[in-house]
Amino acid sequence: MLLVFGAAYQQPVKYNFAVAREVLKQVYTAERLQPPTSLGSVLGTYATLWGRARSVGYWREVVKSGEWARLGVYAVEAYGIFKVPSLLRFSKA
């Protein structure tokens, strides 16, 4: 039973990663981005994001400044990138 569940779950995960990879390629090309020059810059960026996510003060400022609406739009866009193609794929079946 576990093997069947794993196989059924594996396909949507692979599909979502493929969609994310293609979207990132398009953004990368359109914005003429360059890869990070060091591991430290990547780790620093993720440390900043993680620090903000855990900071109560940051979230208070987001609510006070009204930036929560922009962050909400980004969250809906990110969700839609993965959800809409899978809905379209399942509606054809």
PDB file of N, CA and C in Angstrom:
ATOM      1  N   MET A   1       0.822  -1.195   0.000  1.00  0.00           N
ATOM      2  CA  MET A   1       0.000   0.000   0.000  1.00  0.00           C
ATOM      3  C   MET A   1       0.865   1.258   0.000  1.00  0.00           C
ATOM      4  N   LEU A   2       1.936   1.247   0.788  1.00  0.00           N
ATOM      5  CA  LEU A   2       2.823   2.407   0.857  1.00  0.00           C
ATOM      6  C   LEU A   2       3.499   2.650  -0.481  1.00  0.00           C
ATOM      7  N   LEU A   3       3.878   1.597  -1.180  1.00  0.00           N
ATOM      8  CA  LEU A   3       4.525   1.728  -2.478  1.00  0.00           C
ATOM      9  C   LEU A   3       3.573   2.356  -3.491  1.00  0.00           C
ATOM     10  N   VAL A   4       2.328   1.979  -3.473  1.00  0.00           N
ATOM     11  CA  VAL A   4       1.332   2.543  -4.385  1.00  0.00           C
ATOM     12  C   VAL A   4       1.135   4.020  -4.087  1.00  0.00           C
ATOM     13  N   PHE A   5       1.027   4.385  -2.820  1.00  0.00           N
ATOM     14  CA  PHE A   5       0.863   5.786  -2.442  1.00  0.00           C
ATOM     15  C   PHE A   5       2.069   6.598  -2.866  1.00  0.00           C
ATOM     16  N   GLY A   6       3.255   6.052  -2.664  1.00  0.00           N
ATOM     17  CA  GLY A   6       4.484   6.753  -3.042  1.00  0.00           C
ATOM     18  C   GLY A   6       4.552   7.000  -4.536  1.00  0.00           C
ATOM     19  N   ALA A   7       4.143   6.024  -5.329  1.00  0.00           N
ATOM     20  CA  ALA A   7       4.155   6.170  -6.779  1.00  0.00           C
ATOM     21  C   ALA A   7       3.126   7.209  -7.223  1.00  0.00           C
ATOM     22  N   ALA A   8       1.972   7.214  -6.602  1.00  0.00           N
ATOM     23  CA  ALA A   8       0.930   8.180  -6.954  1.00  0.00           C
ATOM     24  C   ALA A   8       1.336   9.590  -6.570  1.00  0.00           C
ATOM     25  N   TYR A   9       2.061   9.724  -5.502  1.00  0.00           N
ATOM     26  CA  TYR A   9       2.474  11.040  -5.031  1.00  0.00           C
ATOM     27  C   TYR A   9       3.689  11.544  -5.794  1.00  0.00           C
ATOM     28  N   GLN A  10       4.479  10.643  -6.319  1.00  0.00           N
ATOM     29  CA  GLN A  10       5.724  11.005  -6.985  1.00  0.00           C
ATOM     30  C   GLN A  10       5.473  11.797  -8.267  1.00  0.00           C
ATOM     31  N   GLN A  11       4.479  11.445  -9.036  1.00  0.00           N
ATOM     32  CA  GLN A  11       4.224  12.100 -10.309  1.00  0.00           C
ATOM     33  C   GLN A  11       3.901  13.592 -10.145  1.00  0.00           C
ATOM     34  N   PRO A  12       2.977  14.002  -9.260  1.00  0.00           N
ATOM     35  CA  PRO A  12       2.721  15.438  -9.108  1.00  0.00           C
ATOM     36  C   PRO A  12       3.938  16.212  -8.602  1.00  0.00           C
ATOM     37  N   VAL A  13       4.737  15.600  -7.750  1.00  0.00           N
ATOM     38  CA  VAL A  13       5.927  16.281  -7.235  1.00  0.00           C
ATOM     39  C   VAL A  13       6.922  16.511  -8.361  1.00  0.00           C
ATOM     40  N   LYS A  14       7.138  15.491  -9.183  1.00  0.00           N
ATOM     41  CA  LYS A  14       8.045  15.645 -10.328  1.00  0.00           C
ATOM     42  C   LYS A  14       7.520  16.708 -11.285  1.00  0.00           C
ATOM     43  N   TYR A  15       6.221  16.714 -11.501  1.00  0.00           N
ATOM     44  CA  TYR A  15       5.614  17.700 -12.394  1.00  0.00           C
ATOM     45  C   TYR A  15       5.811  19.112 -11.851  1.00  0.00           C
ATOM     46  N   ASN A  16       5.571  19.306 -10.556  1.00  0.00           N
ATOM     47  CA  ASN A  16       5.739  20.631  -9.957  1.00  0.00           C
ATOM     48  C   ASN A  16       7.187  21.102 -10.044  1.00  0.00           C
ATOM     49  N   PHE A  17       8.146  20.197  -9.841  1.00  0.00           N
ATOM     50  CA  PHE A  17       9.551  20.577  -9.980  1.00  0.00           C
ATOM     51  C   PHE A  17       9.880  20.943 -11.422  1.00  0.00           C
ATOM     52  N   ALA A  18       9.306  20.230 -12.384  1.00  0.00           N
ATOM     53  CA  ALA A  18       9.540  20.537 -13.791  1.00  0.00           C
ATOM     54  C   ALA A  18       8.971  21.914 -14.141  1.00  0.00           C
ATOM     55  N   VAL A  19       7.779  22.213 -13.643  1.00  0.00           N
ATOM     56  CA  VAL A  19       7.175  23.525 -13.884  1.00  0.00           C
ATOM     57  C   VAL A  19       8.037  24.622 -13.261  1.00  0.00           C
ATOM     58  N   ALA A  20       8.468  24.429 -12.043  1.00  0.00           N
ATOM     59  CA  ALA A  20       9.308  25.424 -11.375  1.00  0.00           C
ATOM     60  C   ALA A  20      10.611  25.629 -12.135  1.00  0.00           C
ATOM     61  N   ARG A  21      11.216  24.551 -12.602  1.00  0.00           N
ATOM     62  CA  ARG A  21      12.465  24.656 -13.349  1.00  0.00           C
ATOM     63  C   ARG A  21      12.272  25.485 -14.618  1.00  0.00           C
ATOM     64  N   GLU A  22      11.182  25.238 -15.351  1.00  0.00           N
ATOM     65  CA  GLU A  22      10.935  25.971 -16.591  1.00  0.00           C
ATOM     66  C   GLU A  22      10.637  27.449 -16.331  1.00  0.00           C
ATOM     67  N   VAL A  23       9.873  27.727 -15.286  1.00  0.00           N
ATOM     68  CA  VAL A  23       9.585  29.127 -14.942  1.00  0.00           C
ATOM     69  C   VAL A  23      10.867  29.847 -14.558  1.00  0.00           C
ATOM     70  N   LEU A  24      11.690  29.209 -13.756  1.00  0.00           N
ATOM     71  CA  LEU A  24      12.953  29.824 -13.355  1.00  0.00           C
ATOM     72  C   LEU A  24      13.873  30.042 -14.547  1.00  0.00           C
ATOM     73  N   LYS A  25      13.883  29.131 -15.497  1.00  0.00           N
ATOM     74  CA  LYS A  25      14.694  29.320 -16.699  1.00  0.00           C
ATOM     75  C   LYS A  25      14.226  30.549 -17.474  1.00  0.00           C
ATOM     76  N   GLN A  26      12.908  30.710 -17.608  1.00  0.00           N
ATOM     77  CA  GLN A  26      12.379  31.858 -18.345  1.00  0.00           C
ATOM     78  C   GLN A  26      12.704  33.167 -17.635  1.00  0.00           C
ATOM     79  N   VAL A  27      12.553  33.192 -16.327  1.00  0.00           N
ATOM     80  CA  VAL A  27      12.873  34.395 -15.556  1.00  0.00           C
ATOM     81  C   VAL A  27      14.369  34.693 -15.657  1.00  0.00           C
ATOM     82  N   TYR A  28      15.183  33.667 -15.536  1.00  0.00           N
ATOM     83  CA  TYR A  28      16.633  33.798 -15.591  1.00  0.00           C
ATOM     84  C   TYR A  28      17.058  34.419 -16.923  1.00  0.00           C
ATOM     85  N   THR A  29      16.470  33.938 -18.014  1.00  0.00           N
ATOM     86  CA  THR A  29      16.805  34.449 -19.337  1.00  0.00           C
ATOM     87  C   THR A  29      16.272  35.858 -19.536  1.00  0.00           C
ATOM     88  N   ALA A  30      15.025  36.106 -19.164  1.00  0.00           N
ATOM     89  CA  ALA A  30      14.403  37.412 -19.376  1.00  0.00           C
ATOM     90  C   ALA A  30      15.083  38.515 -18.564  1.00  0.00           C
ATOM     91  N   GLU A  31      15.508  38.211 -17.364  1.00  0.00           N
ATOM     92  CA  GLU A  31      16.128  39.206 -16.496  1.00  0.00           C
ATOM     93  C   GLU A  31      17.645  39.281 -16.677  1.00  0.00           C
ATOM     94  N   ARG A  32      18.180  38.438 -17.553  1.00  0.00           N
ATOM     95  CA  ARG A  32      19.628  38.370 -17.794  1.00  0.00           C
ATOM     96  C   ARG A  32      20.394  38.213 -16.482  1.00  0.00           C
ATOM     97  N   LEU A  33      19.932  37.274 -15.696  1.00  0.00           N
ATOM     98  CA  LEU A  33      20.539  37.030 -14.393  1.00  0.00           C
ATOM     99  C   LEU A  33      21.827  36.240 -14.544  1.00  0.00           C
ATOM    100  N   GLN A  34      22.662  36.332 -13.522  1.00  0.00           N
ATOM    101  CA  GLN A  34      23.910  35.578 -13.485  1.00  0.00           C
ATOM    102  C   GLN A  34      23.919  34.731 -12.226  1.00  0.00           C
ATOM    103  N   PRO A  35      24.587  33.595 -12.301  1.00  0.00           N
ATOM    104  CA  PRO A  35      24.637  32.756 -11.100  1.00  0.00           C
ATOM    105  C   PRO A  35      25.415  33.445  -9.989  1.00  0.00           C
ATOM    106  N   PRO A  36      25.155  33.100  -8.743  1.00  0.00           N
ATOM    107  CA  PRO A  36      25.895  33.694  -7.637  1.00  0.00           C
ATOM    108  C   PRO A  36      27.387  33.370  -7.769  1.00  0.00           C
ATOM    109  N   THR A  37      28.214  34.299  -7.326  1.00  0.00           N
ATOM    110  CA  THR A  37      29.653  34.112  -7.465  1.00  0.00           C
ATOM    111  C   THR A  37      30.254  33.317  -6.314  1.00  0.00           C
ATOM    112  N   SER A  38      29.515  33.175  -5.222  1.00  0.00           N
ATOM    113  CA  SER A  38      30.052  32.418  -4.102  1.00  0.00           C
ATOM    114  C   SER A  38      28.924  31.755  -3.314  1.00  0.00           C
ATOM    115  N   LEU A  39      29.292  30.719  -2.620  1.00  0.00           N
ATOM    116  CA  LEU A  39      28.331  30.043  -1.754  1.00  0.00           C
ATOM    117  C   LEU A  39      27.902  30.962  -0.622  1.00  0.00           C
ATOM    118  N   GLY A  40      28.800  31.828  -0.184  1.00  0.00           N
ATOM    119  CA  GLY A  40      28.484  32.768   0.893  1.00  0.00           C
ATOM    120  C   GLY A  40      27.344  33.706   0.545  1.00  0.00           C
ATOM    121  N   SER A  41      27.271  34.138  -0.713  1.00  0.00           N
ATOM    122  CA  SER A  41      26.176  35.032  -1.108  1.00  0.00           C
ATOM    123  C   SER A  41      24.837  34.296  -1.092  1.00  0.00           C
ATOM    124  N   VAL A  42      24.841  33.038  -1.501  1.00  0.00           N
ATOM    125  CA  VAL A  42      23.604  32.237  -1.468  1.00  0.00           C
ATOM    126  C   VAL A  42      23.164  32.018  -0.028  1.00  0.00           C
ATOM    127  N   LEU A  43      24.110  31.597   0.808  1.00  0.00           N
ATOM    128  CA  LEU A  43      23.785  31.351   2.215  1.00  0.00           C
ATOM    129  C   LEU A  43      23.343  32.630   2.912  1.00  0.00           C
ATOM    130  N   GLY A  44      23.970  33.752   2.580  1.00  0.00           N
ATOM    131  CA  GLY A  44      23.583  35.034   3.176  1.00  0.00           C
ATOM    132  C   GLY A  44      22.164  35.431   2.814  1.00  0.00           C
ATOM    133  N   THR A  45      21.791  35.194   1.561  1.00  0.00           N
ATOM    134  CA  THR A  45      20.431  35.521   1.113  1.00  0.00           C
ATOM    135  C   THR A  45      19.397  34.679   1.852  1.00  0.00           C
ATOM    136  N   TYR A  46      19.642  33.374   1.942  1.00  0.00           N
ATOM    137  CA  TYR A  46      18.700  32.512   2.649  1.00  0.00           C
ATOM    138  C   TYR A  46      18.673  32.807   4.142  1.00  0.00           C
ATOM    139  N   ALA A  47      19.800  33.192   4.707  1.00  0.00           N
ATOM    140  CA  ALA A  47      19.825  33.571   6.126  1.00  0.00           C
ATOM    141  C   ALA A  47      18.977  34.814   6.360  1.00  0.00           C
ATOM    142  N   THR A  48      19.048  35.766   5.439  1.00  0.00           N
ATOM    143  CA  THR A  48      18.231  36.979   5.548  1.00  0.00           C
ATOM    144  C   THR A  48      16.746  36.645   5.455  1.00  0.00           C
ATOM    145  N   LEU A  49      16.384  35.824   4.468  1.00  0.00           N
ATOM    146  CA  LEU A  49      14.978  35.437   4.315  1.00  0.00           C
ATOM    147  C   LEU A  49      14.467  34.688   5.541  1.00  0.00           C
ATOM    148  N   TRP A  50      15.263  33.751   6.046  1.00  0.00           N
ATOM    149  CA  TRP A  50      14.864  32.979   7.218  1.00  0.00           C
ATOM    150  C   TRP A  50      14.754  33.881   8.445  1.00  0.00           C
ATOM    151  N   GLY A  51      15.692  34.805   8.587  1.00  0.00           N
ATOM    152  CA  GLY A  51      15.649  35.733   9.721  1.00  0.00           C
ATOM    153  C   GLY A  51      14.408  36.601   9.704  1.00  0.00           C
ATOM    154  N   ARG A  52      14.043  37.089   8.512  1.00  0.00           N
ATOM    155  CA  ARG A  52      12.821  37.902   8.404  1.00  0.00           C
ATOM    156  C   ARG A  52      11.581  37.075   8.701  1.00  0.00           C
ATOM    157  N   ALA A  53      11.549  35.863   8.199  1.00  0.00           N
ATOM    158  CA  ALA A  53      10.374  35.010   8.416  1.00  0.00           C
ATOM    159  C   ALA A  53      10.158  34.724   9.898  1.00  0.00           C
ATOM    160  N   ARG A  54      11.231  34.653  10.663  1.00  0.00           N
ATOM    161  CA  ARG A  54      11.126  34.342  12.098  1.00  0.00           C
ATOM    162  C   ARG A  54      10.959  35.582  12.965  1.00  0.00           C
ATOM    163  N   SER A  55      11.171  36.768  12.405  1.00  0.00           N
ATOM    164  CA  SER A  55      11.163  37.999  13.190  1.00  0.00           C
ATOM    165  C   SER A  55       9.739  38.550  13.360  1.00  0.00           C
ATOM    166  N   VAL A  56       9.317  38.660  14.595  1.00  0.00           N
ATOM    167  CA  VAL A  56       8.001  39.246  14.887  1.00  0.00           C
ATOM    168  C   VAL A  56       7.982  40.720  14.494  1.00  0.00           C
ATOM    169  N   GLY A  57       9.097  41.408  14.715  1.00  0.00           N
ATOM    170  CA  GLY A  57       9.193  42.829  14.356  1.00  0.00           C
ATOM    171  C   GLY A  57       9.025  43.057  12.864  1.00  0.00           C
ATOM    172  N   TYR A  58       9.599  42.172  12.068  1.00  0.00           N
ATOM    173  CA  TYR A  58       9.456  42.286  10.614  1.00  0.00           C
ATOM    174  C   TYR A  58       7.988  42.161  10.222  1.00  0.00           C
ATOM    175  N   TRP A  59       7.285  41.179  10.784  1.00  0.00           N
ATOM    176  CA  TRP A  59       5.881  40.977  10.427  1.00  0.00           C
ATOM    177  C   TRP A  59       5.001  42.121  10.920  1.00  0.00           C
ATOM    178  N   ARG A  60       5.348  42.701  12.058  1.00  0.00           N
ATOM    179  CA  ARG A  60       4.605  43.888  12.524  1.00  0.00           C
ATOM    180  C   ARG A  60       4.767  45.030  11.542  1.00  0.00           C
ATOM    181  N   GLU A  61       5.996  45.240  11.053  1.00  0.00           N
ATOM    182  CA  GLU A  61       6.256  46.302  10.089  1.00  0.00           C
ATOM    183  C   GLU A  61       5.539  46.030   8.759  1.00  0.00           C
ATOM    184  N   VAL A  62       5.486  44.768   8.359  1.00  0.00           N
ATOM    185  CA  VAL A  62       4.771  44.407   7.134  1.00  0.00           C
ATOM    186  C   VAL A  62       3.293  44.767   7.257  1.00  0.00           C
ATOM    187  N   VAL A  63       2.700  44.451   8.389  1.00  0.00           N
ATOM    188  CA  VAL A  63       1.281  44.757   8.598  1.00  0.00           C
ATOM    189  C   VAL A  63       1.068  46.262   8.684  1.00  0.00           C
ATOM    190  N   LYS A  64       1.957  46.945   9.413  1.00  0.00           N
ATOM    191  CA  LYS A  64       1.804  48.395   9.604  1.00  0.00           C
ATOM    192  C   LYS A  64       1.983  49.162   8.295  1.00  0.00           C
ATOM    193  N   SER A  65       2.908  48.741   7.451  1.00  0.00           N
ATOM    194  CA  SER A  65       3.192  49.459   6.214  1.00  0.00           C
ATOM    195  C   SER A  65       2.236  49.092   5.077  1.00  0.00           C
ATOM    196  N   GLY A  66       1.475  48.026   5.241  1.00  0.00           N
ATOM    197  CA  GLY A  66       0.571  47.597   4.181  1.00  0.00           C
ATOM    198  C   GLY A  66       1.248  46.708   3.151  1.00  0.00           C
ATOM    199  N   GLU A  67       2.485  46.335   3.401  1.00  0.00           N
ATOM    200  CA  GLU A  67       3.213  45.478   2.475  1.00  0.00           C
ATOM    201  C   GLU A  67       2.654  44.054   2.444  1.00  0.00           C
ATOM    202  N   TRP A  68       1.811  43.717   3.402  1.00  0.00           N
ATOM    203  CA  TRP A  68       1.226  42.384   3.458  1.00  0.00           C
ATOM    204  C   TRP A  68       0.442  42.072   2.188  1.00  0.00           C
ATOM    205  N   ALA A  69      -0.160  43.103   1.570  1.00  0.00           N
ATOM    206  CA  ALA A  69      -0.936  42.879   0.348  1.00  0.00           C
ATOM    207  C   ALA A  69      -0.017  42.415  -0.785  1.00  0.00           C
ATOM    208  N   ARG A  70       1.141  43.041  -0.908  1.00  0.00           N
ATOM    209  CA  ARG A  70       2.101  42.656  -1.945  1.00  0.00           C
ATOM    210  C   ARG A  70       2.610  41.237  -1.701  1.00  0.00           C
ATOM    211  N   LEU A  71       2.918  40.928  -0.453  1.00  0.00           N
ATOM    212  CA  LEU A  71       3.376  39.584  -0.123  1.00  0.00           C
ATOM    213  C   LEU A  71       2.275  38.553  -0.384  1.00  0.00           C
ATOM    214  N   GLY A  72       1.041  38.917  -0.136  1.00  0.00           N
ATOM    215  CA  GLY A  72      -0.078  38.023  -0.416  1.00  0.00           C
ATOM    216  C   GLY A  72      -0.235  37.746  -1.900  1.00  0.00           C
ATOM    217  N   VAL A  73      -0.053  38.776  -2.718  1.00  0.00           N
ATOM    218  CA  VAL A  73      -0.117  38.585  -4.170  1.00  0.00           C
ATOM    219  C   VAL A  73       0.991  37.644  -4.625  1.00  0.00           C
ATOM    220  N   TYR A  74       2.199  37.832  -4.090  1.00  0.00           N
ATOM    221  CA  TYR A  74       3.307  36.928  -4.435  1.00  0.00           C
ATOM    222  C   TYR A  74       2.988  35.496  -4.036  1.00  0.00           C
ATOM    223  N   ALA A  75       2.384  35.315  -2.886  1.00  0.00           N
ATOM    224  CA  ALA A  75       2.046  33.972  -2.423  1.00  0.00           C
ATOM    225  C   ALA A  75       0.996  33.327  -3.334  1.00  0.00           C
ATOM    226  N   VAL A  76      -0.001  34.093  -3.747  1.00  0.00           N
ATOM    227  CA  VAL A  76      -1.033  33.558  -4.642  1.00  0.00           C
ATOM    228  C   VAL A  76      -0.428  33.221  -6.009  1.00  0.00           C
ATOM    229  N   GLU A  77       0.482  34.072  -6.494  1.00  0.00           N
ATOM    230  CA  GLU A  77       1.145  33.787  -7.766  1.00  0.00           C
ATOM    231  C   GLU A  77       1.958  32.495  -7.677  1.00  0.00           C
ATOM    232  N   ALA A  78       2.706  32.352  -6.598  1.00  0.00           N
ATOM    233  CA  ALA A  78       3.524  31.147  -6.428  1.00  0.00           C
ATOM    234  C   ALA A  78       2.637  29.907  -6.343  1.00  0.00           C
ATOM    235  N   TYR A  79       1.542  30.008  -5.640  1.00  0.00           N
ATOM    236  CA  TYR A  79       0.605  28.884  -5.541  1.00  0.00           C
ATOM    237  C   TYR A  79       0.021  28.557  -6.913  1.00  0.00           C
ATOM    238  N   GLY A  80      -0.365  29.588  -7.648  1.00  0.00           N
ATOM    239  CA  GLY A  80      -0.971  29.396  -8.963  1.00  0.00           C
ATOM    240  C   GLY A  80      -0.035  28.765  -9.968  1.00  0.00           C
ATOM    241  N   ILE A  81       1.257  29.071  -9.880  1.00  0.00           N
ATOM    242  CA  ILE A  81       2.229  28.492 -10.799  1.00  0.00           C
ATOM    243  C   ILE A  81       2.187  26.972 -10.721  1.00  0.00           C
ATOM    244  N   PHE A  82       1.978  26.441  -9.523  1.00  0.00           N
ATOM    245  CA  PHE A  82       1.960  24.992  -9.356  1.00  0.00           C
ATOM    246  C   PHE A  82       0.555  24.405  -9.465  1.00  0.00           C
ATOM    247  N   LYS A  83      -0.447  25.127  -9.040  1.00  0.00           N
ATOM    248  CA  LYS A  83      -1.789  24.551  -8.945  1.00  0.00           C
ATOM    249  C   LYS A  83      -2.540  24.574 -10.276  1.00  0.00           C
ATOM    250  N   VAL A  84      -2.503  25.670 -11.006  1.00  0.00           N
ATOM    251  CA  VAL A  84      -3.291  25.790 -12.233  1.00  0.00           C
ATOM    252  C   VAL A  84      -2.913  24.730 -13.266  1.00  0.00           C
ATOM    253  N   PRO A  85      -1.610  24.513 -13.553  1.00  0.00           N
ATOM    254  CA  PRO A  85      -1.299  23.454 -14.531  1.00  0.00           C
ATOM    255  C   PRO A  85      -1.776  22.073 -14.097  1.00  0.00           C
ATOM    256  N   SER A  86      -1.707  21.775 -12.811  1.00  0.00           N
ATOM    257  CA  SER A  86      -2.170  20.459 -12.376  1.00  0.00           C
ATOM    258  C   SER A  86      -3.691  20.355 -12.484  1.00  0.00           C
ATOM    259  N   LEU A  87      -4.405  21.441 -12.245  1.00  0.00           N
ATOM    260  CA  LEU A  87      -5.861  21.415 -12.425  1.00  0.00           C
ATOM    261  C   LEU A  87      -6.216  21.207 -13.883  1.00  0.00           C
ATOM    262  N   LEU A  88      -5.492  21.858 -14.774  1.00  0.00           N
ATOM    263  CA  LEU A  88      -5.758  21.701 -16.191  1.00  0.00           C
ATOM    264  C   LEU A  88      -5.444  20.270 -16.643  1.00  0.00           C
ATOM    265  N   ARG A  89      -4.364  19.711 -16.131  1.00  0.00           N
ATOM    266  CA  ARG A  89      -3.978  18.354 -16.507  1.00  0.00           C
ATOM    267  C   ARG A  89      -5.042  17.354 -16.039  1.00  0.00           C
ATOM    268  N   PHE A  90      -5.546  17.515 -14.807  1.00  0.00           N
ATOM    269  CA  PHE A  90      -6.540  16.570 -14.288  1.00  0.00           C
ATOM    270  C   PHE A  90      -7.917  16.777 -14.907  1.00  0.00           C
ATOM    271  N   SER A  91      -8.221  17.981 -15.366  1.00  0.00           N
ATOM    272  CA  SER A  91      -9.539  18.217 -15.964  1.00  0.00           C
ATOM    273  C   SER A  91      -9.652  17.566 -17.339  1.00  0.00           C
ATOM    274  N   LYS A  92      -8.509  17.327 -17.998  1.00  0.00           N
ATOM    275  CA  LYS A  92      -8.531  16.673 -19.308  1.00  0.00           C
ATOM    276  C   LYS A  92      -8.698  15.172 -19.195  1.00  0.00           C
ATOM    277  N   ALA A  93      -8.406  14.624 -18.025  1.00  0.00           N
ATOM    278  CA  ALA A  93      -8.465  13.162 -17.862  1.00  0.00           C
ATOM    279  C   ALA A  93      -9.872  12.648 -17.740  1.00  0.00           C
TER     280      ALA A  93
END
